[in-house]
Amino acid sequence: MHISKSYSENGDFLGDFVVPGSFLGAEEEGAAGSGAYAEAGAIRSAMAGESKNEKATFETLGRMNVALMKPGTTIIGVVENIVEPIALISVASEDTQTHRFVTTSDYAVLHASRIKQGFVKNVRDELKIGDIIRARVAEIRNEEIHLTIEDKELGVLKAFCSKCRTALKLESAVLSCPKCENHENRKLSSDYRSTDFGGRLDET
């Protein structure tokens, strides 16, 4: 799900969907407001959300439903974008026994340092866009939801081949594509592809 333009409830245009570090404008053009910061002459987003420029003030409006989440909450999400060293995750559902896969407009951030124990150089070495993951809310900072998938029960629940988009299968500890025989690496959950999201996990 890619969001490029957004509108407020009254229909006013807000701006582009941005992630932490996105360029919002130059300091000579205005000041950093809520959800933004100034660095080396540039104003950048401090969170994921919609950019806003009003009265020479650059801001980012968060899209997190913070009231429904708190540290320790386990969620199911989809990797929507990767901008090193973070992955942008769309929150799909709370991890309940029914595992209904219902996408929402909530987004969260997963930093490389919270993918697994040990050093992770690149997020793309452990995750790919489109992966379905189980994650836990590590903290909520500046209205931004930060996730972790370090524990063994957290990580990718379903992965797709980066070449042909076929669902990858795990056989003898090797993640491979049954169509093009491509082999890939992921930070997998301990129950990879054993969870049913209303049939979603069985789709290719």
N, C-alpha and C. Protein backbone atom coordinates (compact mmCIF):
# COMPACT_ATOMS: atom_id res chain seq x y z
N MET A 1 0.84 -1.18 0.00
CA MET A 1 0.00 0.00 0.00
C MET A 1 0.88 1.23 0.00
N HIS A 2 0.80 2.00 -1.06
CA HIS A 2 1.62 3.21 -1.18
C HIS A 2 0.71 4.42 -1.13
N ILE A 3 1.01 5.35 -0.25
CA ILE A 3 0.23 6.57 -0.12
C ILE A 3 1.11 7.73 -0.53
N SER A 4 0.70 8.45 -1.56
CA SER A 4 1.50 9.57 -2.03
C SER A 4 0.90 10.91 -1.65
N LYS A 5 -0.43 11.00 -1.61
CA LYS A 5 -1.09 12.24 -1.26
C LYS A 5 -2.17 11.94 -0.23
N SER A 6 -2.41 12.90 0.67
CA SER A 6 -3.39 12.69 1.72
C SER A 6 -4.23 13.94 1.93
N TYR A 7 -5.40 13.74 2.51
CA TYR A 7 -6.31 14.84 2.75
C TYR A 7 -6.85 14.75 4.17
N SER A 8 -7.11 15.89 4.78
CA SER A 8 -7.67 15.92 6.11
C SER A 8 -9.15 15.60 6.05
N GLU A 9 -9.80 15.51 7.22
CA GLU A 9 -11.21 15.15 7.27
C GLU A 9 -12.09 16.17 6.55
N ASN A 10 -11.66 17.42 6.49
CA ASN A 10 -12.47 18.43 5.80
C ASN A 10 -12.10 18.57 4.33
N GLY A 11 -11.21 17.70 3.86
CA GLY A 11 -10.87 17.69 2.45
C GLY A 11 -9.67 18.53 2.06
N ASP A 12 -9.03 19.20 3.02
CA ASP A 12 -7.85 20.00 2.70
C ASP A 12 -6.67 19.12 2.37
N PHE A 13 -5.92 19.51 1.36
CA PHE A 13 -4.73 18.75 0.98
C PHE A 13 -3.65 18.90 2.04
N LEU A 14 -3.07 17.79 2.45
CA LEU A 14 -2.03 17.81 3.47
C LEU A 14 -0.64 17.71 2.85
N GLY A 15 -0.41 16.72 2.01
CA GLY A 15 0.92 16.59 1.42
C GLY A 15 1.29 15.15 1.16
N ASP A 16 2.58 14.94 0.97
CA ASP A 16 3.09 13.61 0.68
C ASP A 16 3.18 12.76 1.94
N PHE A 17 3.12 11.45 1.74
CA PHE A 17 3.39 10.54 2.84
C PHE A 17 4.90 10.44 2.98
N VAL A 18 5.41 10.68 4.19
CA VAL A 18 6.85 10.71 4.41
C VAL A 18 7.25 9.76 5.52
N VAL A 19 8.52 9.42 5.55
CA VAL A 19 9.08 8.55 6.58
C VAL A 19 10.16 9.34 7.32
N PRO A 20 10.63 8.85 8.49
CA PRO A 20 11.67 9.58 9.22
C PRO A 20 12.88 9.90 8.34
N GLY A 21 13.31 11.16 8.36
CA GLY A 21 14.46 11.58 7.56
C GLY A 21 14.10 12.19 6.23
N SER A 22 12.82 12.09 5.81
CA SER A 22 12.41 12.66 4.53
C SER A 22 12.60 14.18 4.52
N PHE A 23 13.02 14.70 3.38
CA PHE A 23 13.22 16.14 3.22
C PHE A 23 11.87 16.84 3.09
N LEU A 24 11.63 17.83 3.94
CA LEU A 24 10.38 18.59 3.91
C LEU A 24 10.57 19.96 3.29
N GLY A 25 11.75 20.55 3.48
CA GLY A 25 12.02 21.87 2.94
C GLY A 25 13.34 22.39 3.45
N ALA A 26 13.72 23.58 2.99
CA ALA A 26 14.96 24.20 3.43
C ALA A 26 14.69 25.16 4.58
N GLU A 27 15.67 25.30 5.48
CA GLU A 27 15.50 26.20 6.62
C GLU A 27 15.22 27.63 6.18
N GLU A 28 15.75 28.02 5.02
CA GLU A 28 15.52 29.38 4.53
C GLU A 28 14.07 29.60 4.10
N GLU A 29 13.35 28.48 3.93
CA GLU A 29 11.95 28.57 3.52
C GLU A 29 10.98 28.59 4.69
N GLY A 30 11.44 28.18 5.85
CA GLY A 30 10.54 28.14 7.00
C GLY A 30 11.20 27.47 8.19
N ALA A 31 10.37 27.15 9.20
CA ALA A 31 10.86 26.56 10.44
C ALA A 31 10.33 25.14 10.61
N ALA A 32 11.01 24.36 11.45
CA ALA A 32 10.58 23.01 11.76
C ALA A 32 9.50 23.06 12.83
N GLY A 33 8.38 22.42 12.56
CA GLY A 33 7.29 22.37 13.52
C GLY A 33 7.15 20.98 14.13
N SER A 34 5.96 20.63 14.50
CA SER A 34 5.69 19.34 15.13
C SER A 34 6.04 18.20 14.18
N GLY A 35 6.74 17.19 14.70
CA GLY A 35 7.09 16.03 13.90
C GLY A 35 8.19 16.28 12.90
N ALA A 36 8.96 17.36 13.09
CA ALA A 36 10.04 17.69 12.14
C ALA A 36 11.25 18.22 12.91
N TYR A 37 12.40 18.25 12.23
CA TYR A 37 13.61 18.78 12.85
C TYR A 37 14.50 19.40 11.77
N ALA A 38 15.35 20.32 12.21
CA ALA A 38 16.28 21.00 11.30
C ALA A 38 17.66 20.37 11.40
N GLU A 39 18.30 20.17 10.24
CA GLU A 39 19.62 19.57 10.23
C GLU A 39 20.37 20.03 8.98
N ALA A 40 21.51 20.69 9.20
CA ALA A 40 22.39 21.12 8.11
C ALA A 40 21.65 21.88 7.02
N GLY A 41 20.79 22.81 7.43
CA GLY A 41 20.09 23.65 6.48
C GLY A 41 18.82 23.05 5.92
N ALA A 42 18.53 21.80 6.27
CA ALA A 42 17.33 21.14 5.76
C ALA A 42 16.37 20.84 6.91
N ILE A 43 15.09 20.83 6.60
CA ILE A 43 14.06 20.42 7.56
C ILE A 43 13.58 19.05 7.15
N ARG A 44 13.65 18.11 8.08
CA ARG A 44 13.32 16.72 7.78
C ARG A 44 12.24 16.18 8.72
N SER A 45 11.58 15.14 8.25
CA SER A 45 10.53 14.52 9.06
C SER A 45 11.15 13.68 10.16
N ALA A 46 10.56 13.76 11.35
CA ALA A 46 11.03 12.96 12.48
C ALA A 46 10.17 11.72 12.67
N MET A 47 9.18 11.54 11.81
CA MET A 47 8.26 10.41 11.98
C MET A 47 7.59 10.08 10.65
N ALA A 48 6.85 8.99 10.62
CA ALA A 48 6.07 8.63 9.44
C ALA A 48 4.72 9.32 9.51
N GLY A 49 4.24 9.83 8.39
CA GLY A 49 2.96 10.50 8.38
C GLY A 49 2.80 11.38 7.16
N GLU A 50 1.89 12.36 7.23
CA GLU A 50 1.66 13.27 6.12
C GLU A 50 2.40 14.58 6.35
N SER A 51 3.10 15.04 5.33
CA SER A 51 3.81 16.31 5.44
C SER A 51 2.82 17.47 5.34
N LYS A 52 3.15 18.57 6.00
CA LYS A 52 2.29 19.75 6.00
C LYS A 52 3.16 20.99 6.02
N ASN A 53 2.84 21.96 5.20
CA ASN A 53 3.56 23.23 5.17
C ASN A 53 2.53 24.35 5.23
N GLU A 54 2.46 24.98 6.38
CA GLU A 54 1.48 26.05 6.57
C GLU A 54 2.13 27.20 7.33
N LYS A 55 2.00 28.41 6.81
CA LYS A 55 2.56 29.61 7.42
C LYS A 55 4.06 29.46 7.68
N ALA A 56 4.78 28.96 6.66
CA ALA A 56 6.24 28.79 6.70
C ALA A 56 6.68 27.86 7.83
N THR A 57 5.82 26.91 8.19
CA THR A 57 6.17 25.91 9.18
C THR A 57 5.99 24.53 8.58
N PHE A 58 7.07 23.73 8.59
CA PHE A 58 7.02 22.38 8.05
C PHE A 58 6.74 21.39 9.18
N GLU A 59 5.72 20.55 8.99
CA GLU A 59 5.33 19.59 10.01
C GLU A 59 5.07 18.23 9.39
N THR A 60 5.04 17.21 10.26
CA THR A 60 4.59 15.88 9.85
C THR A 60 3.47 15.47 10.79
N LEU A 61 2.34 15.11 10.21
CA LEU A 61 1.19 14.69 11.00
C LEU A 61 1.18 13.17 11.09
N GLY A 62 1.32 12.65 12.28
CA GLY A 62 1.38 11.20 12.47
C GLY A 62 0.07 10.52 12.16
N ARG A 63 0.15 9.25 11.78
CA ARG A 63 -1.05 8.48 11.44
C ARG A 63 -1.22 7.30 12.39
N MET A 64 -0.57 7.35 13.57
CA MET A 64 -0.62 6.22 14.49
C MET A 64 -1.85 6.29 15.38
N ASN A 65 -2.51 5.19 15.57
CA ASN A 65 -3.61 5.11 16.53
C ASN A 65 -3.01 4.70 17.86
N VAL A 66 -2.31 5.66 18.49
CA VAL A 66 -1.55 5.38 19.70
C VAL A 66 -2.43 4.85 20.82
N ALA A 67 -3.67 5.32 20.87
CA ALA A 67 -4.57 4.93 21.95
C ALA A 67 -4.81 3.42 22.00
N LEU A 68 -4.68 2.76 20.85
CA LEU A 68 -4.95 1.32 20.78
C LEU A 68 -3.70 0.48 21.00
N MET A 69 -2.54 1.12 21.12
CA MET A 69 -1.30 0.39 21.26
C MET A 69 -0.48 0.90 22.42
N LYS A 70 0.30 0.02 23.01
CA LYS A 70 1.19 0.39 24.09
C LYS A 70 2.38 -0.56 24.06
N PRO A 71 3.49 -0.22 24.69
CA PRO A 71 4.64 -1.12 24.71
C PRO A 71 4.23 -2.51 25.19
N GLY A 72 4.65 -3.52 24.45
CA GLY A 72 4.30 -4.90 24.77
C GLY A 72 3.21 -5.46 23.89
N THR A 73 2.46 -4.59 23.19
CA THR A 73 1.41 -5.07 22.29
C THR A 73 2.02 -5.80 21.09
N THR A 74 1.50 -6.97 20.79
CA THR A 74 1.97 -7.73 19.63
C THR A 74 1.04 -7.48 18.46
N ILE A 75 1.62 -7.20 17.30
CA ILE A 75 0.82 -6.86 16.12
C ILE A 75 1.26 -7.71 14.92
N ILE A 76 0.39 -7.74 13.93
CA ILE A 76 0.73 -8.31 12.62
C ILE A 76 0.82 -7.13 11.65
N GLY A 77 1.82 -7.12 10.81
CA GLY A 77 1.98 -6.01 9.88
C GLY A 77 2.60 -6.42 8.57
N VAL A 78 2.63 -5.47 7.65
CA VAL A 78 3.20 -5.69 6.32
C VAL A 78 4.33 -4.69 6.10
N VAL A 79 5.45 -5.15 5.59
CA VAL A 79 6.57 -4.26 5.27
C VAL A 79 6.20 -3.47 4.02
N GLU A 80 5.97 -2.16 4.20
CA GLU A 80 5.52 -1.33 3.09
C GLU A 80 6.67 -0.63 2.37
N ASN A 81 7.72 -0.29 3.12
CA ASN A 81 8.85 0.41 2.51
C ASN A 81 10.08 0.20 3.38
N ILE A 82 11.24 0.29 2.78
CA ILE A 82 12.50 0.19 3.51
C ILE A 82 13.37 1.37 3.13
N VAL A 83 13.70 2.18 4.11
CA VAL A 83 14.61 3.31 3.94
C VAL A 83 15.68 3.14 5.01
N GLU A 84 16.80 2.56 4.63
CA GLU A 84 17.83 2.23 5.61
C GLU A 84 18.12 3.39 6.56
N PRO A 85 18.16 3.12 7.87
CA PRO A 85 18.16 1.80 8.50
C PRO A 85 16.81 1.40 9.11
N ILE A 86 15.70 1.79 8.48
CA ILE A 86 14.40 1.42 9.02
C ILE A 86 13.51 0.77 7.98
N ALA A 87 12.52 0.02 8.47
CA ALA A 87 11.45 -0.49 7.64
C ALA A 87 10.17 0.15 8.13
N LEU A 88 9.32 0.57 7.19
CA LEU A 88 8.03 1.15 7.52
C LEU A 88 6.98 0.03 7.46
N ILE A 89 6.27 -0.16 8.56
CA ILE A 89 5.33 -1.28 8.69
C ILE A 89 3.91 -0.75 8.78
N SER A 90 3.00 -1.28 7.95
CA SER A 90 1.58 -0.97 8.10
C SER A 90 1.00 -2.01 9.04
N VAL A 91 0.33 -1.53 10.08
CA VAL A 91 -0.24 -2.42 11.08
C VAL A 91 -1.51 -3.05 10.51
N ALA A 92 -1.57 -4.37 10.55
CA ALA A 92 -2.69 -5.08 9.94
C ALA A 92 -3.70 -5.58 10.95
N SER A 93 -3.25 -6.12 12.06
CA SER A 93 -4.18 -6.60 13.08
C SER A 93 -3.42 -6.88 14.35
N GLU A 94 -4.13 -6.93 15.48
CA GLU A 94 -3.51 -7.40 16.69
C GLU A 94 -3.33 -8.90 16.56
N ASP A 95 -2.31 -9.44 17.18
CA ASP A 95 -2.02 -10.87 17.09
C ASP A 95 -2.91 -11.63 18.07
N THR A 96 -4.11 -11.97 17.63
CA THR A 96 -5.05 -12.72 18.45
C THR A 96 -5.14 -14.15 17.96
N GLN A 97 -5.86 -14.98 18.66
CA GLN A 97 -5.97 -16.38 18.27
C GLN A 97 -6.69 -16.54 16.94
N THR A 98 -7.57 -15.61 16.61
CA THR A 98 -8.29 -15.72 15.34
C THR A 98 -7.43 -15.26 14.18
N HIS A 99 -6.45 -14.38 14.43
CA HIS A 99 -5.53 -13.91 13.39
C HIS A 99 -6.25 -13.37 12.16
N ARG A 100 -7.31 -12.62 12.35
CA ARG A 100 -7.96 -12.02 11.19
C ARG A 100 -7.06 -10.94 10.62
N PHE A 101 -6.88 -10.97 9.32
CA PHE A 101 -5.94 -10.04 8.67
C PHE A 101 -6.74 -8.86 8.13
N VAL A 102 -6.79 -7.79 8.91
CA VAL A 102 -7.53 -6.59 8.53
C VAL A 102 -6.57 -5.41 8.48
N THR A 103 -6.32 -4.88 7.30
CA THR A 103 -5.38 -3.77 7.19
C THR A 103 -6.02 -2.50 7.71
N THR A 104 -5.20 -1.65 8.33
CA THR A 104 -5.67 -0.37 8.85
C THR A 104 -4.77 0.72 8.30
N SER A 105 -5.00 1.95 8.73
CA SER A 105 -4.19 3.08 8.26
C SER A 105 -3.05 3.38 9.22
N ASP A 106 -2.80 2.51 10.19
CA ASP A 106 -1.73 2.74 11.16
C ASP A 106 -0.38 2.30 10.60
N TYR A 107 0.66 3.05 10.96
CA TYR A 107 2.01 2.72 10.53
C TYR A 107 2.95 2.70 11.72
N ALA A 108 4.01 1.94 11.61
CA ALA A 108 5.00 1.85 12.67
C ALA A 108 6.38 1.71 12.03
N VAL A 109 7.40 1.90 12.86
CA VAL A 109 8.78 1.88 12.39
C VAL A 109 9.55 0.73 13.03
N LEU A 110 10.31 0.02 12.22
CA LEU A 110 11.19 -1.05 12.71
C LEU A 110 12.62 -0.69 12.33
N HIS A 111 13.47 -0.45 13.34
CA HIS A 111 14.86 -0.08 13.10
C HIS A 111 15.72 -1.33 13.00
N ALA A 112 16.80 -1.24 12.22
CA ALA A 112 17.71 -2.38 12.02
C ALA A 112 18.21 -2.96 13.34
N SER A 113 18.40 -2.11 14.34
CA SER A 113 18.94 -2.56 15.63
C SER A 113 17.95 -3.41 16.41
N ARG A 114 16.67 -3.43 15.96
CA ARG A 114 15.65 -4.20 16.67
C ARG A 114 15.13 -5.38 15.85
N ILE A 115 15.93 -5.81 14.87
CA ILE A 115 15.52 -6.95 14.05
C ILE A 115 15.93 -8.27 14.67
N LYS A 116 17.16 -8.36 15.16
CA LYS A 116 17.61 -9.59 15.81
C LYS A 116 18.81 -9.28 16.68
N GLN A 117 19.17 -10.25 17.52
CA GLN A 117 20.35 -10.07 18.37
C GLN A 117 21.59 -10.01 17.49
N GLY A 118 22.50 -9.11 17.83
CA GLY A 118 23.70 -8.96 17.01
C GLY A 118 23.53 -7.82 16.02
N PHE A 119 24.59 -7.53 15.28
CA PHE A 119 24.61 -6.40 14.36
C PHE A 119 23.90 -6.72 13.05
N VAL A 120 23.02 -5.85 12.63
CA VAL A 120 22.35 -5.95 11.33
C VAL A 120 22.77 -4.74 10.50
N LYS A 121 23.51 -4.97 9.45
CA LYS A 121 24.03 -3.87 8.63
C LYS A 121 22.93 -3.24 7.80
N ASN A 122 22.14 -4.08 7.11
CA ASN A 122 21.09 -3.60 6.23
C ASN A 122 19.76 -4.28 6.55
N VAL A 123 18.70 -3.50 6.65
CA VAL A 123 17.37 -4.06 6.86
C VAL A 123 17.01 -5.02 5.74
N ARG A 124 17.43 -4.69 4.52
CA ARG A 124 17.08 -5.51 3.35
C ARG A 124 17.71 -6.91 3.40
N ASP A 125 18.68 -7.11 4.28
CA ASP A 125 19.26 -8.44 4.43
C ASP A 125 18.34 -9.36 5.22
N GLU A 126 17.38 -8.78 5.95
CA GLU A 126 16.52 -9.56 6.83
C GLU A 126 15.03 -9.46 6.49
N LEU A 127 14.65 -8.41 5.76
CA LEU A 127 13.25 -8.18 5.40
C LEU A 127 13.16 -7.69 3.97
N LYS A 128 12.00 -7.92 3.36
CA LYS A 128 11.74 -7.39 2.03
C LYS A 128 10.35 -6.76 2.02
N ILE A 129 10.14 -5.80 1.12
CA ILE A 129 8.84 -5.18 0.98
C ILE A 129 7.80 -6.24 0.63
N GLY A 130 6.66 -6.21 1.32
CA GLY A 130 5.59 -7.17 1.10
C GLY A 130 5.56 -8.29 2.11
N ASP A 131 6.64 -8.48 2.88
CA ASP A 131 6.66 -9.52 3.91
C ASP A 131 5.59 -9.25 4.96
N ILE A 132 4.97 -10.31 5.43
CA ILE A 132 4.02 -10.22 6.55
C ILE A 132 4.78 -10.62 7.81
N ILE A 133 4.73 -9.76 8.82
CA ILE A 133 5.53 -10.01 10.02
C ILE A 133 4.69 -9.98 11.29
N ARG A 134 5.19 -10.63 12.31
CA ARG A 134 4.67 -10.47 13.66
C ARG A 134 5.71 -9.66 14.42
N ALA A 135 5.28 -8.59 15.08
CA ALA A 135 6.20 -7.71 15.79
C ALA A 135 5.58 -7.30 17.12
N ARG A 136 6.41 -6.70 17.96
CA ARG A 136 5.94 -6.22 19.26
C ARG A 136 6.30 -4.73 19.38
N VAL A 137 5.39 -3.98 19.98
CA VAL A 137 5.65 -2.56 20.21
C VAL A 137 6.72 -2.43 21.29
N ALA A 138 7.85 -1.84 20.91
CA ALA A 138 8.96 -1.65 21.86
C ALA A 138 8.78 -0.37 22.65
N GLU A 139 8.36 0.68 21.96
CA GLU A 139 8.13 1.97 22.62
C GLU A 139 7.31 2.86 21.71
N ILE A 140 6.72 3.88 22.30
CA ILE A 140 6.03 4.92 21.55
C ILE A 140 6.72 6.23 21.89
N ARG A 141 7.36 6.82 20.88
CA ARG A 141 8.17 8.01 21.09
C ARG A 141 7.80 9.08 20.08
N ASN A 142 7.48 10.28 20.56
CA ASN A 142 7.07 11.37 19.68
C ASN A 142 5.93 10.97 18.77
N GLU A 143 4.96 10.24 19.33
CA GLU A 143 3.78 9.76 18.61
C GLU A 143 4.11 8.76 17.51
N GLU A 144 5.30 8.19 17.56
CA GLU A 144 5.73 7.19 16.58
C GLU A 144 5.82 5.84 17.26
N ILE A 145 5.22 4.82 16.64
CA ILE A 145 5.25 3.47 17.18
C ILE A 145 6.52 2.78 16.68
N HIS A 146 7.36 2.33 17.60
CA HIS A 146 8.59 1.64 17.27
C HIS A 146 8.46 0.16 17.62
N LEU A 147 8.78 -0.71 16.66
CA LEU A 147 8.60 -2.14 16.81
C LEU A 147 9.91 -2.88 17.03
N THR A 148 9.79 -4.12 17.50
CA THR A 148 10.92 -5.04 17.59
C THR A 148 10.48 -6.40 17.09
N ILE A 149 11.41 -7.14 16.46
CA ILE A 149 11.16 -8.53 16.08
C ILE A 149 12.32 -9.41 16.54
N GLU A 150 12.97 -9.00 17.62
CA GLU A 150 14.16 -9.70 18.10
C GLU A 150 13.86 -11.10 18.67
N ASP A 151 12.74 -11.26 19.36
CA ASP A 151 12.43 -12.55 19.99
C ASP A 151 12.15 -13.62 18.94
N LYS A 152 12.34 -14.88 19.30
CA LYS A 152 12.23 -15.97 18.33
C LYS A 152 10.83 -16.14 17.76
N GLU A 153 9.80 -15.78 18.55
CA GLU A 153 8.43 -15.92 18.05
C GLU A 153 8.02 -14.75 17.16
N LEU A 154 8.91 -13.76 17.03
CA LEU A 154 8.64 -12.59 16.20
C LEU A 154 9.45 -12.67 14.91
N GLY A 155 8.95 -12.00 13.88
CA GLY A 155 9.67 -11.99 12.62
C GLY A 155 8.72 -12.24 11.46
N VAL A 156 9.28 -12.67 10.34
CA VAL A 156 8.50 -12.87 9.12
C VAL A 156 7.64 -14.13 9.23
N LEU A 157 6.34 -13.95 8.98
CA LEU A 157 5.39 -15.06 8.95
C LEU A 157 5.17 -15.58 7.53
N LYS A 158 5.31 -14.68 6.58
CA LYS A 158 5.20 -15.05 5.18
C LYS A 158 6.08 -14.14 4.35
N ALA A 159 6.88 -14.73 3.48
CA ALA A 159 7.80 -13.97 2.63
C ALA A 159 7.53 -14.29 1.17
N PHE A 160 7.85 -13.35 0.31
CA PHE A 160 7.66 -13.52 -1.12
C PHE A 160 9.00 -13.42 -1.84
N CYS A 161 9.14 -14.20 -2.89
CA CYS A 161 10.35 -14.19 -3.70
C CYS A 161 10.58 -12.80 -4.28
N SER A 162 11.77 -12.27 -4.12
CA SER A 162 12.07 -10.93 -4.63
C SER A 162 12.19 -10.91 -6.14
N LYS A 163 12.24 -12.07 -6.76
CA LYS A 163 12.35 -12.14 -8.23
C LYS A 163 10.99 -12.34 -8.90
N CYS A 164 10.17 -13.28 -8.38
CA CYS A 164 8.91 -13.59 -9.06
C CYS A 164 7.67 -13.41 -8.18
N ARG A 165 7.86 -13.01 -6.91
CA ARG A 165 6.79 -12.73 -5.96
C ARG A 165 5.99 -13.95 -5.54
N THR A 166 6.51 -15.14 -5.79
CA THR A 166 5.87 -16.36 -5.29
C THR A 166 6.16 -16.50 -3.80
N ALA A 167 5.20 -17.02 -3.05
CA ALA A 167 5.41 -17.22 -1.62
C ALA A 167 6.55 -18.21 -1.40
N LEU A 168 7.48 -17.86 -0.52
CA LEU A 168 8.64 -18.70 -0.26
C LEU A 168 8.29 -19.82 0.71
N LYS A 169 8.90 -20.97 0.51
CA LYS A 169 8.69 -22.12 1.38
C LYS A 169 9.94 -22.40 2.20
N LEU A 170 9.71 -22.84 3.43
CA LEU A 170 10.82 -23.17 4.32
C LEU A 170 10.96 -24.68 4.38
N GLU A 171 12.07 -25.18 3.86
CA GLU A 171 12.33 -26.61 3.83
C GLU A 171 13.75 -26.86 4.30
N SER A 172 13.88 -27.68 5.33
CA SER A 172 15.19 -28.00 5.90
C SER A 172 15.98 -26.73 6.24
N ALA A 173 15.28 -25.80 6.87
CA ALA A 173 15.88 -24.54 7.34
C ALA A 173 16.33 -23.63 6.20
N VAL A 174 15.89 -23.92 4.97
CA VAL A 174 16.25 -23.10 3.81
C VAL A 174 14.98 -22.47 3.23
N LEU A 175 15.01 -21.16 3.05
CA LEU A 175 13.87 -20.44 2.47
C LEU A 175 14.07 -20.36 0.96
N SER A 176 13.17 -21.00 0.23
CA SER A 176 13.36 -21.08 -1.23
C SER A 176 12.06 -20.86 -1.97
N CYS A 177 12.19 -20.47 -3.24
CA CYS A 177 11.04 -20.23 -4.10
C CYS A 177 10.72 -21.50 -4.89
N PRO A 178 9.50 -22.04 -4.78
CA PRO A 178 9.13 -23.25 -5.51
C PRO A 178 9.00 -23.03 -7.01
N LYS A 179 8.95 -21.77 -7.44
CA LYS A 179 8.77 -21.47 -8.86
C LYS A 179 10.10 -21.26 -9.58
N CYS A 180 10.95 -20.37 -9.05
CA CYS A 180 12.21 -20.05 -9.74
C CYS A 180 13.44 -20.57 -9.01
N GLU A 181 13.23 -21.28 -7.89
CA GLU A 181 14.29 -21.91 -7.10
C GLU A 181 15.27 -20.91 -6.51
N ASN A 182 14.83 -19.68 -6.37
CA ASN A 182 15.66 -18.65 -5.73
C ASN A 182 15.71 -18.90 -4.22
N HIS A 183 16.88 -18.69 -3.60
CA HIS A 183 17.04 -18.84 -2.16
C HIS A 183 17.22 -17.47 -1.53
N GLU A 184 16.52 -17.24 -0.42
CA GLU A 184 16.59 -15.94 0.22
C GLU A 184 16.72 -16.07 1.73
N ASN A 185 17.10 -14.96 2.35
CA ASN A 185 17.26 -14.93 3.80
C ASN A 185 16.23 -13.99 4.42
N ARG A 186 15.70 -14.36 5.58
CA ARG A 186 14.81 -13.51 6.35
C ARG A 186 15.04 -13.75 7.83
N LYS A 187 14.62 -12.79 8.65
CA LYS A 187 14.54 -13.01 10.08
C LYS A 187 13.15 -13.60 10.30
N LEU A 188 13.08 -14.93 10.35
CA LEU A 188 11.80 -15.63 10.42
C LEU A 188 11.28 -15.76 11.83
N SER A 189 9.95 -15.80 11.95
CA SER A 189 9.35 -16.16 13.23
C SER A 189 9.50 -17.67 13.40
N SER A 190 9.38 -18.13 14.64
CA SER A 190 9.55 -19.56 14.90
C SER A 190 8.44 -20.40 14.31
N ASP A 191 7.32 -19.76 13.94
CA ASP A 191 6.20 -20.52 13.34
C ASP A 191 5.90 -20.05 11.92
N TYR A 192 6.95 -19.80 11.15
CA TYR A 192 6.80 -19.32 9.78
C TYR A 192 5.80 -20.16 9.00
N ARG A 193 4.78 -19.49 8.40
CA ARG A 193 3.76 -20.10 7.55
C ARG A 193 2.92 -21.17 8.23
N SER A 194 2.89 -21.20 9.56
CA SER A 194 2.00 -22.15 10.23
C SER A 194 0.77 -21.45 10.79
N THR A 195 0.65 -20.13 10.53
CA THR A 195 -0.49 -19.36 11.01
C THR A 195 -1.41 -19.03 9.85
N ASP A 196 -2.72 -19.11 10.10
CA ASP A 196 -3.71 -18.83 9.06
C ASP A 196 -4.35 -17.48 9.29
N PHE A 197 -4.23 -16.57 8.32
CA PHE A 197 -4.86 -15.26 8.39
C PHE A 197 -6.04 -15.24 7.43
N GLY A 198 -7.01 -16.07 7.69
CA GLY A 198 -8.17 -16.11 6.82
C GLY A 198 -7.81 -16.47 5.40
N GLY A 199 -6.77 -17.31 5.24
CA GLY A 199 -6.34 -17.73 3.91
C GLY A 199 -5.28 -16.84 3.31
N ARG A 200 -5.05 -15.65 3.88
CA ARG A 200 -4.09 -14.70 3.30
C ARG A 200 -2.70 -15.28 3.22
N LEU A 201 -2.30 -16.06 4.21
CA LEU A 201 -0.95 -16.61 4.21
C LEU A 201 -0.75 -17.70 3.19
N ASP A 202 -1.83 -18.19 2.60
CA ASP A 202 -1.69 -19.24 1.60
C ASP A 202 -1.73 -18.70 0.19
N GLU A 203 -1.92 -17.38 0.06
CA GLU A 203 -1.94 -16.78 -1.26
C GLU A 203 -0.52 -16.60 -1.78
N THR A 204 -0.37 -16.63 -3.09
CA THR A 204 0.94 -16.39 -3.70
C THR A 204 0.93 -15.05 -4.39
